[in-house]
Protein backbone atom coordinates (compact mmCIF):
# COMPACT_ATOMS: atom_id res chain seq x y z
CA MET A 1 -56.79 38.65 31.31
CA GLU A 2 -53.98 39.24 28.84
CA GLN A 3 -54.32 35.62 27.65
CA SER A 4 -58.06 36.12 26.86
CA HIS A 5 -57.41 39.32 24.83
CA SER A 6 -54.58 37.94 22.67
CA PRO A 7 -56.71 35.65 20.46
CA ARG A 8 -59.35 38.40 20.07
CA LEU A 9 -56.70 40.98 19.03
CA ALA A 10 -55.19 38.53 16.53
CA ARG A 11 -58.61 37.88 14.97
CA ARG A 12 -59.22 41.65 14.60
CA TRP A 13 -55.87 42.20 12.85
CA LEU A 14 -56.58 39.24 10.54
CA ALA A 15 -59.96 40.74 9.64
CA VAL A 16 -58.36 44.13 8.88
CA LEU A 17 -55.69 42.57 6.67
CA LEU A 18 -58.30 40.48 4.82
CA GLY A 19 -60.43 43.57 4.20
CA CYS A 20 -57.48 45.56 2.87
CA SER A 21 -56.54 42.70 0.55
CA LEU A 22 -60.09 42.47 -0.83
CA ALA A 23 -60.23 46.24 -1.34
CA LEU A 24 -56.89 46.27 -3.15
CA SER A 25 -57.97 43.42 -5.41
CA ALA A 26 -61.20 45.22 -6.30
CA ALA A 27 -59.30 48.43 -7.08
CA ARG A 28 -56.91 46.56 -9.36
CA ALA A 29 -59.80 44.90 -11.16
CA GLN A 30 -61.36 48.30 -11.88
CA GLN A 31 -58.15 49.77 -13.30
CA PRO A 32 -57.94 49.76 -17.08
CA GLU A 33 -55.44 47.31 -18.51
CA SER A 34 -52.19 49.03 -19.44
CA ARG A 35 -50.54 47.47 -22.44
CA PRO A 36 -46.94 48.18 -23.44
CA ALA A 37 -46.64 50.73 -26.27
CA PHE A 38 -43.65 51.49 -28.47
CA ARG A 39 -42.96 54.53 -30.66
CA VAL A 40 -42.47 54.14 -34.42
CA LYS A 41 -39.06 55.70 -35.22
CA TYR A 42 -38.49 54.71 -38.88
CA ILE A 43 -40.49 53.32 -41.82
CA ALA A 44 -39.09 51.85 -45.06
CA ASP A 45 -40.76 49.63 -47.71
CA GLY A 46 -43.23 47.90 -45.42
CA THR A 47 -40.70 47.55 -42.61
CA VAL A 48 -41.31 49.37 -39.33
CA TYR A 49 -38.63 50.12 -36.71
CA LEU A 50 -39.75 50.56 -33.08
CA GLU A 51 -38.13 52.32 -30.13
CA GLY A 52 -38.07 49.36 -27.78
CA GLY A 53 -36.71 45.85 -27.90
CA SER A 54 -36.06 42.86 -25.70
CA GLY A 55 -35.46 45.19 -22.77
CA GLY A 56 -39.09 46.26 -23.04
CA GLY A 57 -40.47 42.72 -23.32
CA LEU A 58 -40.61 42.37 -27.12
CA ALA A 59 -39.81 39.04 -28.78
CA VAL A 60 -39.88 37.66 -32.33
CA GLY A 61 -43.40 36.67 -33.40
CA GLN A 62 -45.32 39.03 -31.14
CA LYS A 63 -48.17 41.06 -32.62
CA LEU A 64 -48.81 44.79 -32.23
CA VAL A 65 -51.43 47.22 -33.48
CA VAL A 66 -51.08 50.88 -34.35
CA LYS A 67 -54.09 53.04 -33.50
CA ARG A 68 -54.70 56.66 -34.36
CA SER A 69 -57.26 59.03 -32.87
CA GLY A 70 -59.73 60.85 -35.09
CA THR A 71 -63.08 62.60 -35.03
CA THR A 72 -66.32 60.96 -36.00
CA ALA A 73 -69.98 61.91 -35.79
CA PRO A 74 -72.09 60.02 -33.22
CA ARG A 75 -75.07 57.97 -34.39
CA SER A 76 -77.52 60.19 -32.50
CA GLY A 77 -77.29 63.94 -32.08
CA SER A 78 -74.92 66.43 -33.65
CA GLY A 79 -71.31 67.21 -32.96
CA GLU A 80 -68.20 65.07 -33.14
CA VAL A 81 -66.54 62.70 -30.73
CA GLN A 82 -63.01 61.39 -30.49
CA ALA A 83 -62.46 57.79 -31.58
CA SER A 84 -59.49 55.64 -32.40
CA ARG A 85 -59.12 53.17 -35.23
CA ILE A 86 -56.55 50.51 -36.08
CA ILE A 87 -54.43 51.67 -39.01
CA ALA A 88 -51.88 48.84 -39.05
CA GLN A 89 -51.10 45.43 -37.62
CA LEU A 90 -47.42 44.58 -37.05
CA GLU A 91 -45.44 41.42 -36.35
CA VAL A 92 -41.99 41.46 -34.77
CA VAL A 93 -39.41 39.78 -37.05
CA SER A 94 -36.17 40.86 -35.36
CA VAL A 95 -35.38 42.28 -31.95
CA ALA A 96 -32.36 43.91 -30.26
CA GLU A 97 -31.85 45.34 -26.79
CA THR A 98 -33.46 48.73 -27.47
CA SER A 99 -35.03 48.39 -30.92
CA ALA A 100 -37.17 46.01 -32.94
CA VAL A 101 -37.97 45.43 -36.61
CA CYS A 102 -41.56 44.65 -37.62
CA GLU A 103 -43.41 43.75 -40.81
CA ALA A 104 -46.68 45.51 -41.59
CA ARG A 105 -49.13 42.64 -42.02
CA SER A 106 -52.18 44.85 -42.55
CA LEU A 107 -52.13 48.52 -43.49
CA ASN A 108 -55.29 50.63 -43.54
CA ALA A 109 -53.56 54.03 -43.72
CA PRO A 110 -49.96 55.28 -44.15
CA LEU A 111 -47.88 54.98 -41.00
CA ARG A 112 -46.06 57.99 -39.58
CA VAL A 113 -42.97 58.42 -37.46
CA GLY A 114 -44.22 58.98 -33.92
CA ASP A 115 -47.20 56.58 -34.09
CA MET A 116 -47.54 54.31 -31.07
CA ALA A 117 -47.66 50.52 -31.53
CA THR A 118 -49.47 48.68 -28.74
CA LEU A 119 -48.67 45.06 -27.88
CA VAL A 120 -51.55 42.68 -28.48
CA ILE A 121 -52.23 40.60 -25.38
CA GLU A 122 -53.06 37.05 -26.30
CA GLU A 123 -56.04 35.45 -24.56
CA GLY A 124 -55.03 33.88 -21.30
CA GLN A 125 -51.73 35.77 -21.09
CA PRO A 126 -51.61 37.93 -17.93
CA GLN A 127 -50.55 41.51 -18.58
CA ALA A 128 -48.38 41.49 -15.47
CA GLN A 129 -46.24 38.75 -16.96
CA LEU A 130 -45.51 40.82 -20.09
CA GLY A 131 -44.63 43.85 -18.03
CA GLY A 132 -42.19 41.86 -15.94
CA MET A 133 -40.31 40.27 -18.83
CA GLY A 134 -37.03 41.92 -19.74
CA THR A 135 -33.70 40.98 -21.19
CA SER A 136 -33.34 38.11 -18.77
CA ARG A 137 -36.21 36.29 -20.55
CA LYS A 138 -37.34 34.83 -17.19
CA TYR A 139 -40.95 33.75 -17.07
CA PRO A 140 -42.80 34.37 -13.77
CA GLN A 141 -44.59 31.45 -12.16
CA LEU A 142 -47.65 31.66 -9.89
CA ILE A 143 -47.19 29.72 -6.63
CA ALA A 144 -49.87 29.09 -3.99
CA PHE A 145 -48.55 28.73 -0.43
CA SER A 146 -50.44 26.72 2.21
CA ALA A 147 -47.68 26.78 4.82
CA GLY A 148 -44.21 28.08 5.42
CA ASP A 149 -42.62 31.51 5.19
CA PRO A 150 -43.37 33.24 1.80
CA LEU A 151 -40.04 35.08 1.98
CA ASP A 152 -38.27 31.75 1.73
CA GLU A 153 -40.36 30.75 -1.29
CA GLU A 154 -39.72 33.98 -3.22
CA ALA A 155 -36.27 32.64 -4.09
CA ARG A 156 -38.08 30.54 -6.72
CA GLU A 157 -39.57 33.53 -8.56
CA ALA A 158 -38.57 32.31 -12.06
CA VAL A 159 -38.59 29.04 -13.98
CA PRO A 160 -35.76 28.10 -16.46
CA ARG A 161 -35.68 29.94 -19.76
CA PRO A 162 -37.68 28.36 -22.58
CA GLN A 163 -36.03 27.46 -25.88
CA LEU A 164 -35.25 30.49 -28.03
CA PRO A 165 -37.51 30.83 -31.10
CA GLU A 166 -34.58 30.54 -33.54
CA VAL A 167 -33.47 27.17 -32.11
CA ASN A 168 -34.39 24.36 -34.51
CA ARG A 169 -36.50 26.67 -36.67
CA ARG A 170 -37.16 24.91 -39.98
CA HIS A 171 -38.88 26.61 -42.87
CA GLY A 172 -38.38 25.81 -46.51
CA ARG A 173 -39.61 24.01 -49.55
CA VAL A 174 -38.34 21.43 -52.03
CA GLY A 175 -39.83 20.82 -55.46
CA VAL A 176 -39.38 19.09 -58.81
CA GLU A 177 -39.08 21.39 -61.82
CA TYR A 178 -39.90 20.72 -65.46
CA SER A 179 -38.93 23.31 -68.07
CA ALA A 180 -39.00 23.59 -71.86
CA LEU A 181 -37.40 26.01 -74.32
CA ALA A 182 -38.15 26.57 -78.01
CA GLY A 183 -36.19 28.78 -80.43
CA ARG A 184 -37.97 31.46 -82.46
CA ASN A 185 -37.22 33.58 -85.55
CA GLY A 186 -35.08 30.89 -87.16
CA SER A 187 -33.24 29.86 -84.00
CA SER A 188 -32.65 26.12 -83.61
CA MET A 189 -32.47 26.23 -79.82
CA ALA A 190 -34.56 23.53 -78.09
CA ASN A 191 -34.35 22.12 -74.61
CA ARG A 192 -36.23 19.93 -72.14
CA GLN A 193 -34.97 19.42 -68.62
CA VAL A 194 -35.96 18.11 -65.19
CA GLY A 195 -34.44 19.60 -62.06
CA LEU A 196 -34.78 20.31 -58.37
CA VAL A 197 -35.55 23.58 -56.56
CA ALA A 198 -34.90 24.18 -52.87
CA ARG A 199 -35.39 27.18 -50.59
CA MET A 200 -34.24 26.75 -46.99
CA GLU A 201 -34.34 28.67 -43.71
CA MET A 202 -33.04 26.35 -41.00
CA THR A 203 -31.48 28.01 -37.96
CA ARG A 204 -29.78 26.55 -34.88
CA ILE A 205 -30.16 23.04 -36.34
CA GLY A 206 -30.64 20.42 -33.61
CA GLY A 207 -29.91 23.07 -30.97
CA SER A 208 -26.45 23.66 -32.46
CA TYR A 209 -25.07 26.85 -34.01
CA TRP A 210 -25.27 25.61 -37.60
CA ASN A 211 -27.62 27.38 -40.01
CA PHE A 212 -28.70 26.38 -43.51
CA THR A 213 -30.29 29.17 -45.56
CA GLY A 214 -30.71 30.27 -49.17
CA TYR A 215 -32.03 29.19 -52.54
CA TRP A 216 -30.83 26.69 -55.16
CA ARG A 217 -31.97 25.44 -58.56
CA GLY A 218 -30.20 22.55 -60.34
CA ARG A 219 -30.65 20.10 -63.20
CA LEU A 220 -31.17 16.33 -62.93
CA ASN A 221 -31.20 15.62 -66.67
CA SER A 222 -31.46 17.63 -69.87
CA ARG A 223 -32.16 17.00 -73.57
CA SER A 224 -31.27 19.76 -76.00
CA SER A 225 -30.56 20.53 -79.64
CA GLY A 226 -28.99 23.54 -81.27
CA PRO A 227 -26.55 25.91 -79.53
CA GLY A 228 -26.39 25.40 -75.77
CA THR A 229 -26.10 29.04 -74.66
CA ALA A 230 -27.35 30.14 -71.26
CA THR A 231 -30.79 31.76 -71.15
CA LEU A 232 -31.85 34.74 -69.07
CA ASN A 233 -33.33 32.43 -66.41
CA ASP A 234 -30.12 30.39 -66.31
CA LEU A 235 -28.12 33.56 -65.62
CA LEU A 236 -30.54 34.78 -62.95
CA ASN A 237 -30.39 31.41 -61.19
CA ARG A 238 -26.63 31.82 -60.71
CA THR A 239 -27.14 34.95 -58.60
CA TYR A 240 -28.80 33.05 -55.73
CA HIS A 241 -27.08 31.96 -52.49
CA LEU A 242 -27.36 28.74 -50.48
CA SER A 243 -25.01 28.13 -47.57
CA LEU A 244 -24.39 26.13 -44.43
CA ASN A 245 -22.65 28.30 -41.84
CA TYR A 246 -21.51 28.04 -38.24
CA SER A 247 -21.63 31.03 -35.90
CA ASN A 248 -21.35 30.45 -32.15
CA PRO A 249 -20.97 33.54 -29.90
CA MET A 250 -19.24 31.34 -27.33
CA SER A 251 -16.71 29.93 -29.80
CA HIS A 252 -13.68 31.46 -31.50
CA TRP A 253 -14.43 29.67 -34.80
CA VAL A 254 -16.73 30.65 -37.67
CA ALA A 255 -17.23 28.75 -40.93
CA GLY A 256 -19.39 28.54 -44.01
CA VAL A 257 -19.73 26.42 -47.15
CA GLY A 258 -21.94 26.71 -50.24
CA ARG A 259 -22.70 29.49 -52.72
CA LEU A 260 -22.08 32.57 -50.61
CA PHE A 261 -20.32 35.84 -49.87
CA VAL A 262 -17.24 35.83 -47.66
CA PRO A 263 -18.88 37.82 -44.80
CA TRP A 264 -15.93 40.18 -44.27
CA ALA A 265 -15.09 40.63 -47.99
CA SER A 266 -18.32 40.85 -49.99
CA SER A 267 -16.49 42.87 -52.68
CA LEU A 268 -14.99 39.56 -53.90
CA SER A 269 -18.51 38.68 -55.09
CA THR A 270 -20.10 35.24 -54.83
CA ILE A 271 -18.01 32.10 -54.57
CA ASP A 272 -18.89 28.42 -54.78
CA GLY A 273 -16.72 27.23 -51.93
CA GLY A 274 -16.24 28.09 -48.31
CA TYR A 275 -14.45 30.05 -45.60
CA LEU A 276 -13.00 29.37 -42.16
CA GLY A 277 -12.26 32.05 -39.59
CA ARG A 278 -11.06 32.40 -36.03
CA ARG A 279 -11.86 35.32 -33.75
CA MET A 280 -8.81 36.86 -32.14
CA GLY A 281 -10.00 38.83 -29.15
CA GLN A 282 -12.99 41.14 -29.28
CA VAL A 283 -12.48 42.92 -32.62
CA ALA A 284 -10.27 40.79 -34.90
CA THR A 285 -11.05 37.78 -37.12
CA LEU A 286 -8.41 35.88 -39.11
CA GLY A 287 -9.62 33.64 -41.93
CA VAL A 288 -9.09 31.81 -45.22
CA PHE A 289 -11.41 31.17 -48.19
CA ALA A 290 -11.44 29.32 -51.53
CA GLY A 291 -13.87 28.59 -54.34
CA THR A 292 -14.97 29.27 -57.90
CA THR A 293 -16.70 32.41 -59.26
CA PRO A 294 -20.17 31.53 -60.62
CA ASP A 295 -21.97 34.90 -60.40
CA PRO A 296 -22.48 36.52 -63.85
CA THR A 297 -23.04 39.94 -62.21
CA SER A 298 -19.44 39.99 -60.90
CA TRP A 299 -17.19 42.65 -62.46
CA ASN A 300 -14.57 39.99 -63.30
CA TYR A 301 -16.91 37.08 -64.09
CA ASN A 302 -15.45 33.86 -65.43
CA PRO A 303 -17.13 30.53 -64.55
CA ASN A 304 -13.78 28.70 -64.88
CA ARG A 305 -11.93 30.97 -62.43
CA ARG A 306 -10.78 29.65 -59.08
CA ILE A 307 -9.86 31.92 -56.21
CA GLY A 308 -8.32 31.46 -52.77
CA GLY A 309 -6.79 33.69 -50.14
CA THR A 310 -6.52 34.83 -46.55
CA PHE A 311 -7.68 37.94 -44.69
CA VAL A 312 -7.86 39.72 -41.36
CA ASN A 313 -10.88 41.75 -40.30
CA LEU A 314 -11.23 44.35 -37.54
CA GLU A 315 -14.66 45.53 -36.49
CA GLY A 316 -16.22 47.23 -33.52
CA GLY A 317 -18.77 49.71 -32.29
CA SER A 318 -22.54 49.43 -32.16
CA PHE A 319 -25.40 49.52 -34.67
CA GLU A 320 -27.05 51.99 -32.30
CA ALA A 321 -24.13 54.45 -32.55
CA LEU A 322 -20.77 54.45 -34.38
CA ARG A 323 -19.61 51.23 -36.06
CA PHE A 324 -16.59 50.36 -38.21
CA THR A 325 -15.27 47.39 -40.18
CA SER A 326 -11.94 46.96 -41.96
CA THR A 327 -10.71 43.95 -43.97
CA THR A 328 -7.26 43.43 -45.50
CA GLY A 329 -6.31 40.33 -47.46
CA VAL A 330 -4.30 38.72 -50.23
CA ALA A 331 -5.54 36.24 -52.84
CA ILE A 332 -4.57 34.38 -55.99
CA SER A 333 -6.82 33.40 -58.88
CA THR A 334 -6.37 30.79 -61.60
CA ILE A 335 -8.14 29.86 -64.83
CA GLY A 336 -8.19 26.11 -64.71
CA SER A 337 -4.65 25.19 -63.65
CA ARG A 338 -3.03 28.36 -65.07
CA PRO A 339 -2.25 31.17 -62.59
CA GLU A 340 -4.09 34.36 -63.53
CA ARG A 341 -3.26 37.08 -61.02
CA LYS A 342 -2.10 37.78 -57.47
CA PHE A 343 -3.75 40.69 -55.73
CA ALA A 344 -4.39 42.38 -52.42
CA PHE A 345 -7.86 43.57 -51.43
CA PHE A 346 -9.07 46.13 -48.93
CA GLU A 347 -12.64 46.72 -47.72
CA ASN A 348 -13.49 49.43 -45.19
CA GLY A 349 -16.70 50.84 -43.80
CA LEU A 350 -17.64 53.50 -41.26
CA PHE A 351 -21.26 53.89 -40.18
CA TYR A 352 -23.09 56.19 -37.77
CA LYS A 353 -26.59 54.89 -37.04
CA ARG A 354 -28.65 55.30 -40.22
CA PHE A 355 -27.49 58.85 -40.88
CA VAL A 356 -24.04 58.47 -42.46
CA SER A 357 -22.13 55.59 -44.05
CA VAL A 358 -18.81 55.51 -45.88
CA TYR A 359 -17.76 52.39 -47.77
CA HIS A 360 -14.64 51.77 -49.87
CA THR A 361 -13.29 48.67 -51.60
CA LEU A 362 -10.04 48.36 -53.57
CA GLU A 363 -8.06 45.65 -55.35
CA ALA A 364 -4.36 46.04 -56.30
CA ASP A 365 -2.61 43.58 -58.62
CA ALA A 366 0.95 42.32 -58.55
CA PRO A 367 2.92 42.44 -61.85
CA ARG A 368 1.71 39.81 -64.32
CA ASP A 369 1.79 38.70 -67.95
CA ILE A 370 -1.44 38.73 -69.98
CA THR A 371 -1.53 36.53 -73.10
CA VAL A 372 -4.14 37.22 -75.80
CA GLY A 373 -3.69 34.95 -78.79
CA THR A 374 0.02 34.94 -79.59
CA GLN A 375 0.77 38.28 -77.91
CA THR A 376 1.92 38.61 -74.31
CA THR A 377 1.65 41.90 -72.41
CA HIS A 378 3.42 42.63 -69.13
CA THR A 379 1.44 44.78 -66.71
CA SER A 380 2.93 46.80 -63.88
CA PRO A 381 1.56 46.66 -60.32
CA GLY A 382 -1.34 48.96 -59.62
CA VAL A 383 -4.97 49.40 -58.64
CA SER A 384 -7.30 47.28 -60.76
CA ARG A 385 -10.61 48.14 -59.10
CA SER A 386 -11.82 50.83 -56.69
CA TYR A 387 -15.29 51.76 -55.50
CA LEU A 388 -16.07 54.50 -52.96
CA THR A 389 -19.49 55.65 -51.80
CA LEU A 390 -20.69 58.16 -49.20
CA ARG A 391 -24.33 57.92 -48.17
CA VAL A 392 -26.18 60.44 -46.01
CA GLN A 393 -29.76 60.18 -44.74
CA PRO A 394 -30.58 63.57 -43.15
CA VAL A 395 -34.26 62.64 -42.71
CA SER A 396 -36.05 59.32 -42.91
CA ARG A 397 -37.56 60.03 -46.34
CA LEU A 398 -34.42 61.34 -48.09
CA THR A 399 -31.17 59.55 -48.95
CA LEU A 400 -28.22 61.19 -50.73
CA ASP A 401 -25.12 59.46 -52.06
CA LEU A 402 -21.86 60.30 -53.80
CA SER A 403 -19.83 57.55 -55.51
CA HIS A 404 -16.66 57.01 -57.49
CA ASN A 405 -16.12 53.87 -59.60
CA TYR A 406 -12.84 52.89 -61.28
CA PHE A 407 -11.76 49.92 -63.44
CA ARG A 408 -8.28 49.50 -64.88
CA ASP A 409 -9.21 46.38 -66.85
CA LEU A 410 -12.37 45.77 -68.83
CA PRO A 411 -15.12 44.19 -66.66
CA THR A 412 -16.33 40.78 -67.80
CA PHE A 413 -19.89 40.61 -66.43
CA ASP A 414 -22.55 39.04 -68.68
CA PRO A 415 -24.06 41.91 -70.73
CA ARG A 416 -27.38 40.08 -71.17
CA LEU A 417 -28.22 41.12 -67.59
CA VAL A 418 -27.92 44.86 -68.27
CA GLY A 419 -31.68 45.37 -68.62
CA THR A 420 -32.48 43.62 -65.32
CA GLY A 421 -30.88 46.39 -63.22
CA LEU A 422 -28.48 43.96 -61.52
CA LEU A 423 -25.45 45.69 -63.07
CA ASP A 424 -26.27 49.30 -62.22
CA ASN A 425 -23.34 49.60 -59.80
CA LEU A 426 -20.93 48.60 -62.62
CA LEU A 427 -22.25 50.64 -65.56
CA PHE A 428 -21.25 54.07 -64.18
CA GLN A 429 -17.56 55.00 -64.23
CA GLY A 430 -16.07 58.06 -62.56
CA PHE A 431 -17.94 60.31 -60.12
CA SER A 432 -21.73 60.16 -59.77
CA GLY A 433 -24.27 61.52 -57.33
CA GLY A 434 -27.70 60.18 -56.49
CA ALA A 435 -30.78 60.73 -54.37
CA ARG A 436 -33.85 58.79 -53.26
CA LEU A 437 -36.98 60.49 -51.93
CA ASP A 438 -39.86 58.61 -50.30
CA LEU A 439 -43.12 60.48 -50.91
CA PRO A 440 -46.57 59.93 -49.39
CA LEU A 441 -48.88 57.29 -50.86
CA LYS A 442 -46.02 54.75 -51.09
CA ILE A 443 -44.27 56.63 -53.91
CA SER A 444 -40.48 56.80 -54.19
CA VAL A 445 -38.37 58.55 -56.82
CA TYR A 446 -34.65 58.04 -57.30
CA SER A 447 -31.92 59.18 -59.65
CA SER A 448 -28.17 58.97 -60.23
CA VAL A 449 -26.18 61.24 -62.55
CA GLY A 450 -22.45 61.38 -63.27
CA ARG A 451 -19.81 62.20 -65.83
CA SER A 452 -17.72 59.42 -67.34
CA SER A 453 -13.95 59.82 -67.02
CA ARG A 454 -12.67 57.49 -69.71
CA THR A 455 -9.01 57.82 -70.66
CA GLY A 456 -8.65 59.33 -74.14
CA ASP A 457 -12.12 60.90 -74.27
CA ILE A 458 -12.32 64.08 -76.35
CA ARG A 459 -15.24 65.17 -74.21
CA HIS A 460 -16.87 63.77 -71.11
CA SER A 461 -20.21 62.00 -71.39
CA TRP A 462 -23.07 61.90 -68.92
CA ASN A 463 -24.31 58.75 -67.24
CA GLN A 464 -27.93 58.91 -66.13
CA LEU A 465 -30.37 56.77 -64.16
CA TYR A 466 -33.97 57.73 -63.29
CA GLY A 467 -36.62 55.65 -61.59
CA ILE A 468 -39.92 55.70 -59.75
CA THR A 469 -41.51 53.13 -57.46
CA LEU A 470 -45.25 53.00 -56.75
CA GLY A 471 -46.08 50.90 -53.73
CA GLU A 472 -49.66 50.54 -54.90
CA ILE A 473 -51.42 51.57 -58.14
CA TRP A 474 -54.89 53.03 -57.68
CA GLY A 475 -55.83 50.66 -54.86
CA THR A 476 -55.13 47.51 -56.89
CA GLY A 477 -52.31 46.30 -54.63
CA ILE A 478 -49.88 46.16 -57.57
CA ARG A 479 -46.35 47.36 -56.82
CA THR A 480 -44.51 48.99 -59.74
CA ASP A 481 -40.93 49.98 -60.43
CA LEU A 482 -40.02 51.87 -63.62
CA ARG A 483 -36.45 52.91 -64.50
CA TYR A 484 -34.38 54.29 -67.36
CA SER A 485 -30.59 54.30 -67.64
CA LYS A 486 -28.10 55.67 -70.17
CA PHE A 487 -24.39 54.99 -69.70
CA ASP A 488 -21.07 55.45 -71.47
CA SER A 489 -18.03 53.80 -69.89
CA SER A 490 -14.66 52.49 -71.01
CA PHE A 491 -16.06 48.98 -71.41
CA GLY A 492 -19.32 49.82 -73.18
CA ARG A 493 -22.15 52.23 -73.80
CA GLY A 494 -25.87 51.92 -74.21
CA ASP A 495 -29.19 52.37 -72.48
CA TYR A 496 -32.03 50.33 -71.05
CA ARG A 497 -35.62 50.70 -69.90
CA ALA A 498 -37.15 48.30 -67.39
CA LEU A 499 -40.57 47.84 -65.79
CA SER A 500 -41.50 45.43 -63.00
CA LEU A 501 -44.95 44.69 -61.55
CA SER A 502 -45.79 42.49 -58.58
CA ARG A 503 -48.91 41.68 -56.58
CA ARG A 504 -49.71 39.59 -53.53
CA PHE A 505 -53.12 37.97 -53.15
CA GLY A 506 -53.24 37.33 -49.42
CA GLU A 507 -50.60 34.92 -48.11
CA ALA A 508 -51.25 32.18 -50.69
CA LEU A 509 -50.51 33.69 -54.11
CA ARG A 510 -47.83 36.01 -55.50
CA TRP A 511 -47.44 37.18 -59.11
CA GLU A 512 -44.56 39.12 -60.68
CA VAL A 513 -43.63 40.29 -64.18
CA GLN A 514 -40.52 42.12 -65.43
CA THR A 515 -39.94 43.51 -68.91
CA GLY A 516 -37.03 45.41 -70.40
CA PHE A 517 -35.41 46.81 -73.55
CA GLN A 518 -31.65 47.23 -73.81
CA ASN A 519 -28.89 48.36 -76.17
CA PHE A 520 -25.29 47.54 -75.32
CA ILE A 521 -22.23 48.19 -77.48
CA SER A 522 -18.94 46.93 -76.07
CA PRO A 523 -15.52 45.62 -77.07
CA LEU A 524 -16.33 42.70 -74.78
CA ALA A 525 -18.86 41.27 -77.24
CA ALA A 526 -20.84 42.01 -80.36
CA GLN A 527 -23.54 44.66 -80.21
CA THR A 528 -26.42 43.48 -78.07
CA HIS A 529 -29.95 44.64 -78.75
CA GLY A 530 -32.79 42.83 -77.09
CA GLN A 531 -36.04 42.85 -75.22
CA PHE A 532 -37.57 40.40 -72.80
CA VAL A 533 -40.64 39.65 -70.70
CA ASN A 534 -40.15 37.45 -67.64
CA THR A 535 -43.15 36.51 -65.50
CA SER A 536 -43.60 34.13 -62.56
CA MET A 537 -46.32 32.95 -60.19
CA ASP A 538 -46.00 31.38 -56.73
CA TRP A 539 -49.07 29.65 -55.24
CA PHE A 540 -49.39 27.87 -51.87
CA LEU A 541 -51.69 24.83 -52.18
CA GLY A 542 -52.95 24.36 -48.66
CA GLN A 543 -50.55 24.05 -45.75
CA HIS A 544 -47.89 21.74 -47.18
CA PHE A 545 -47.71 22.07 -50.98
CA PHE A 546 -46.88 24.78 -53.50
CA LEU A 547 -47.01 25.36 -57.24
CA GLU A 548 -44.61 27.70 -59.04
CA GLY A 549 -44.63 28.58 -62.72
CA GLY A 550 -43.10 31.07 -65.10
CA TYR A 551 -42.68 32.14 -68.72
CA THR A 552 -39.90 34.05 -70.51
CA TRP A 553 -40.16 35.74 -73.91
CA GLN A 554 -36.76 36.78 -75.32
CA ARG A 555 -36.05 38.53 -78.61
CA GLY A 556 -32.75 40.06 -79.70
CA ASP A 557 -29.66 39.97 -81.88
CA GLN A 558 -28.21 36.89 -80.20
CA GLN A 559 -31.09 34.92 -78.67
CA ASN A 560 -34.71 34.40 -79.71
CA TYR A 561 -36.71 31.89 -77.70
CA ASP A 562 -39.74 31.15 -75.52
CA GLN A 563 -39.19 29.34 -72.23
CA TRP A 564 -41.57 28.14 -69.55
CA PHE A 565 -41.16 26.18 -66.31
CA MET A 566 -43.31 24.61 -63.61
CA VAL A 567 -42.39 23.47 -60.10
CA LEU A 568 -44.51 21.28 -57.84
CA GLY A 569 -43.27 20.60 -54.34
CA ARG A 570 -43.75 20.45 -50.62
CA ARG A 571 -43.08 23.12 -48.02
CA PHE A 572 -42.41 22.70 -44.33
């Protein structure tokens, strides 16, 4: 009797279990799909910061949308109903454990702190897989079992990790450039040249930890007549960086070569050369560097200077809380084969999230002899350069800063770049205070005011900088930046006015123009009065080719010319 009931009881239990399974599946099918959402915590210049990172399943390249509820009238009947509309589309460009950085690809209304960004589920991508992905980056697999114990099979719940998106990422473009220059207003300047232009973003090359990034423009051949002075475009081209660097979190060694900053001592400005470092424990890095100084925006610019030295850096903390960095080093510089100076440099920073940052850099020279003509002057040891800034951001839309700038010797930057705004951090001497306020409608205003503290001044003079940025003018999509500066320092005085306009037409075309007027009187050079218009266009021709062109109009006391260039190349 018991033997006849056992199969019947088993069949009943199987039927009950099958019914429960079908009911549970139907209930799950009726539940609305829950997509991960992340809160917007900070917004700045088209960049959106989210509260949530790889720990919440975010990865570089994922798409999100920001929706906002509102009231709208129904098509039939009176009254209003609640509806939601998409106000922005975002794409993740960088991700950390608990935060992510996104670019706003489409913006239909201004974003606000507190908006919720919802992850877009691609077609064919199960929501359950996204919800189960965390920092381990393990991808669930679906397994059908026809026999065996499922508990034994659950040990295979994840497949190996896929290749990280930054491994072997290759973006860039290479083109051939043709340019021509013609002197005006009696100038005999004339030039024709052919060159190469390259922009690279290659990370984790061949699965290694080598990266090749930056921009470069160089000449292949040139034909010229008249004086061979550098033009505004020539000077701007020297401010770009292109470097090959090695950074392996599992290795003690770091290295870089090209036109670059020394990562732990950016106050030394750009060098054409390289660095080599070794990590000593968790917080220390010991390194050496050497190169030339090609950047005309450097405070001690000289294209024939060579520099080399060694340093030790200590850094620790977290970008999400308190972080510090401290670099101490010694270096020697030469002009050609003649020793110029020996100096020590110090660079320190203390940062607390985005609210407070303190940064200080200092250079101190050893005793040296300076020869000008037939006269030789002996200088005593002392501080040759010091820059201190305190920046506070009490709310996301307001930034306040207080700075002090000191030079013992006259800076030797190229004064023709004054009107471009690239030298603003060098024109003010003494104490100065500034503020930047981000207003609604993509409007930002900023200012910096200080009193010059030149030795021997009968009275102090005021240094002033005012500017306004319009993210979009009257719905045209044109971005505008307008600024005015008046300065009076130990190495020169003057003023400038500058205006820049830029506009993107989709993803294929970008146009930009910059114009400026400047007056600069300095013992470094003769009085400089000039004005310029510099415009450029960048156009993607299909998927693989691009066309770039530009025109410069320069008029002034020293240079009068028209220059144009065109680049045709391939992108990948």
